[in-house]
């Protein structure tokens, strides 16, 4: 195992991130998860409304 200076490692990591892409699937999964959580919270909390 060879020693790689930190600056070189950081540069290689940035290049690899560019090649990997923007992570569109992860972005979509996170948005759906947040929207699903809001919908679930609304569905569960609407039962606590009192019409007295």
N, C-alpha and C. Protein backbone atom coordinates (compact mmCIF):
# COMPACT_ATOMS: atom_id res chain seq x y z
N UNK A 1 0.85 -1.17 0.00
CA UNK A 1 0.00 0.00 0.00
C UNK A 1 0.90 1.23 0.00
N UNK A 2 0.66 2.08 -0.96
CA UNK A 2 1.51 3.26 -1.06
C UNK A 2 0.87 4.47 -0.38
N UNK A 3 1.70 5.39 0.00
CA UNK A 3 1.24 6.60 0.67
C UNK A 3 0.86 7.64 -0.38
N UNK A 4 -0.36 8.19 -0.26
CA UNK A 4 -0.84 9.22 -1.18
C UNK A 4 -1.01 10.50 -0.38
N UNK A 5 -0.39 11.59 -0.79
CA UNK A 5 -0.57 12.87 -0.07
C UNK A 5 -2.05 13.28 -0.04
N UNK A 6 -2.42 14.00 1.00
CA UNK A 6 -3.82 14.37 1.20
C UNK A 6 -4.37 15.20 0.04
N UNK A 7 -3.59 16.11 -0.48
CA UNK A 7 -4.08 16.97 -1.57
C UNK A 7 -4.35 16.14 -2.82
N UNK A 8 -3.49 15.18 -3.10
CA UNK A 8 -3.69 14.32 -4.27
C UNK A 8 -4.92 13.45 -4.08
N UNK A 9 -5.09 12.92 -2.87
CA UNK A 9 -6.25 12.08 -2.59
C UNK A 9 -7.54 12.88 -2.74
N UNK A 10 -7.54 14.12 -2.27
CA UNK A 10 -8.72 14.97 -2.37
C UNK A 10 -9.05 15.28 -3.83
N UNK A 11 -8.03 15.53 -4.62
CA UNK A 11 -8.23 15.79 -6.04
C UNK A 11 -8.80 14.57 -6.75
N UNK A 12 -8.27 13.40 -6.43
CA UNK A 12 -8.78 12.18 -7.05
C UNK A 12 -10.22 11.91 -6.62
N UNK A 13 -10.55 12.21 -5.37
CA UNK A 13 -11.92 12.01 -4.89
C UNK A 13 -12.88 12.95 -5.61
N UNK A 14 -12.48 14.18 -5.85
CA UNK A 14 -13.33 15.14 -6.56
C UNK A 14 -13.53 14.69 -8.00
N UNK A 15 -12.50 14.18 -8.64
CA UNK A 15 -12.63 13.68 -10.01
C UNK A 15 -13.57 12.48 -10.06
N UNK A 16 -13.47 11.60 -9.08
CA UNK A 16 -14.35 10.43 -9.05
C UNK A 16 -15.80 10.84 -8.84
N UNK A 17 -16.04 11.88 -8.04
CA UNK A 17 -17.40 12.36 -7.82
C UNK A 17 -17.99 12.92 -9.11
N UNK A 18 -17.18 13.58 -9.91
CA UNK A 18 -17.66 14.10 -11.20
C UNK A 18 -18.04 12.96 -12.14
N UNK A 19 -17.26 11.92 -12.14
CA UNK A 19 -17.54 10.79 -13.02
C UNK A 19 -18.75 10.00 -12.56
N UNK A 20 -19.01 9.98 -11.27
CA UNK A 20 -20.09 9.16 -10.72
C UNK A 20 -21.46 9.74 -11.05
N UNK A 21 -21.59 11.02 -11.15
CA UNK A 21 -22.87 11.62 -11.48
C UNK A 21 -23.43 12.39 -10.30
N UNK A 22 -24.61 12.94 -10.49
CA UNK A 22 -25.20 13.82 -9.49
C UNK A 22 -26.00 13.08 -8.43
N UNK A 23 -26.27 11.81 -8.64
CA UNK A 23 -27.05 11.06 -7.66
C UNK A 23 -28.54 11.35 -7.78
N UNK A 24 -29.05 11.31 -8.99
CA UNK A 24 -30.46 11.63 -9.22
C UNK A 24 -31.38 10.65 -8.50
N UNK A 25 -31.01 9.39 -8.47
CA UNK A 25 -31.85 8.40 -7.79
C UNK A 25 -31.96 8.70 -6.31
N UNK A 26 -30.85 9.04 -5.68
CA UNK A 26 -30.87 9.38 -4.26
C UNK A 26 -31.73 10.61 -4.01
N UNK A 27 -31.64 11.59 -4.88
CA UNK A 27 -32.44 12.81 -4.75
C UNK A 27 -33.93 12.49 -4.83
N UNK A 28 -34.31 11.63 -5.78
CA UNK A 28 -35.72 11.26 -5.93
C UNK A 28 -36.19 10.47 -4.71
N UNK A 29 -35.37 9.56 -4.22
CA UNK A 29 -35.74 8.77 -3.04
C UNK A 29 -35.95 9.67 -1.83
N UNK A 30 -35.08 10.64 -1.64
CA UNK A 30 -35.21 11.54 -0.50
C UNK A 30 -36.47 12.40 -0.60
N UNK A 31 -36.78 12.89 -1.79
CA UNK A 31 -37.98 13.71 -1.97
C UNK A 31 -39.24 12.89 -1.71
N UNK A 32 -39.28 11.67 -2.23
CA UNK A 32 -40.44 10.81 -2.01
C UNK A 32 -40.57 10.46 -0.53
N UNK A 33 -39.45 10.24 0.14
CA UNK A 33 -39.48 9.92 1.56
C UNK A 33 -40.03 11.09 2.38
N UNK A 34 -39.60 12.30 2.08
CA UNK A 34 -40.10 13.47 2.80
C UNK A 34 -41.58 13.68 2.53
N UNK A 35 -41.99 13.59 1.28
CA UNK A 35 -43.40 13.76 0.96
C UNK A 35 -44.26 12.67 1.60
N UNK A 36 -43.76 11.45 1.61
CA UNK A 36 -44.47 10.35 2.27
C UNK A 36 -44.59 10.57 3.76
N UNK A 37 -43.56 11.10 4.38
CA UNK A 37 -43.61 11.37 5.82
C UNK A 37 -44.64 12.44 6.13
N UNK A 38 -44.68 13.48 5.32
CA UNK A 38 -45.67 14.55 5.52
C UNK A 38 -47.08 14.00 5.33
N UNK A 39 -47.30 13.20 4.32
CA UNK A 39 -48.62 12.62 4.08
C UNK A 39 -49.02 11.69 5.21
N UNK A 40 -48.10 10.87 5.69
CA UNK A 40 -48.39 9.98 6.81
C UNK A 40 -48.70 10.76 8.08
N UNK A 41 -47.95 11.82 8.36
CA UNK A 41 -48.21 12.64 9.54
C UNK A 41 -49.59 13.29 9.44
N UNK A 42 -49.94 13.80 8.27
CA UNK A 42 -51.25 14.41 8.09
C UNK A 42 -52.36 13.37 8.30
N UNK A 43 -52.18 12.18 7.76
CA UNK A 43 -53.19 11.12 7.89
C UNK A 43 -53.37 10.70 9.34
N UNK A 44 -52.26 10.57 10.07
CA UNK A 44 -52.35 10.14 11.47
C UNK A 44 -52.87 11.24 12.37
N UNK A 45 -52.47 12.48 12.12
CA UNK A 45 -52.86 13.57 13.00
C UNK A 45 -54.27 14.08 12.75
N UNK A 46 -54.85 13.80 11.59
CA UNK A 46 -56.20 14.29 11.33
C UNK A 46 -57.23 13.59 12.21
N UNK A 47 -56.89 12.44 12.73
CA UNK A 47 -57.79 11.73 13.63
C UNK A 47 -57.91 12.37 14.99
N UNK A 48 -56.98 13.26 15.34
CA UNK A 48 -57.02 13.93 16.63
C UNK A 48 -57.84 15.21 16.62
N UNK A 49 -58.37 15.58 15.46
CA UNK A 49 -59.17 16.80 15.39
C UNK A 49 -60.51 16.56 16.11
N UNK A 50 -60.89 17.50 16.96
CA UNK A 50 -62.14 17.36 17.70
C UNK A 50 -63.18 18.30 17.12
N UNK A 51 -64.38 17.77 16.95
CA UNK A 51 -65.48 18.58 16.41
C UNK A 51 -66.46 18.97 17.51
N UNK A 52 -66.04 18.91 18.77
CA UNK A 52 -66.95 19.19 19.88
C UNK A 52 -67.43 20.61 19.85
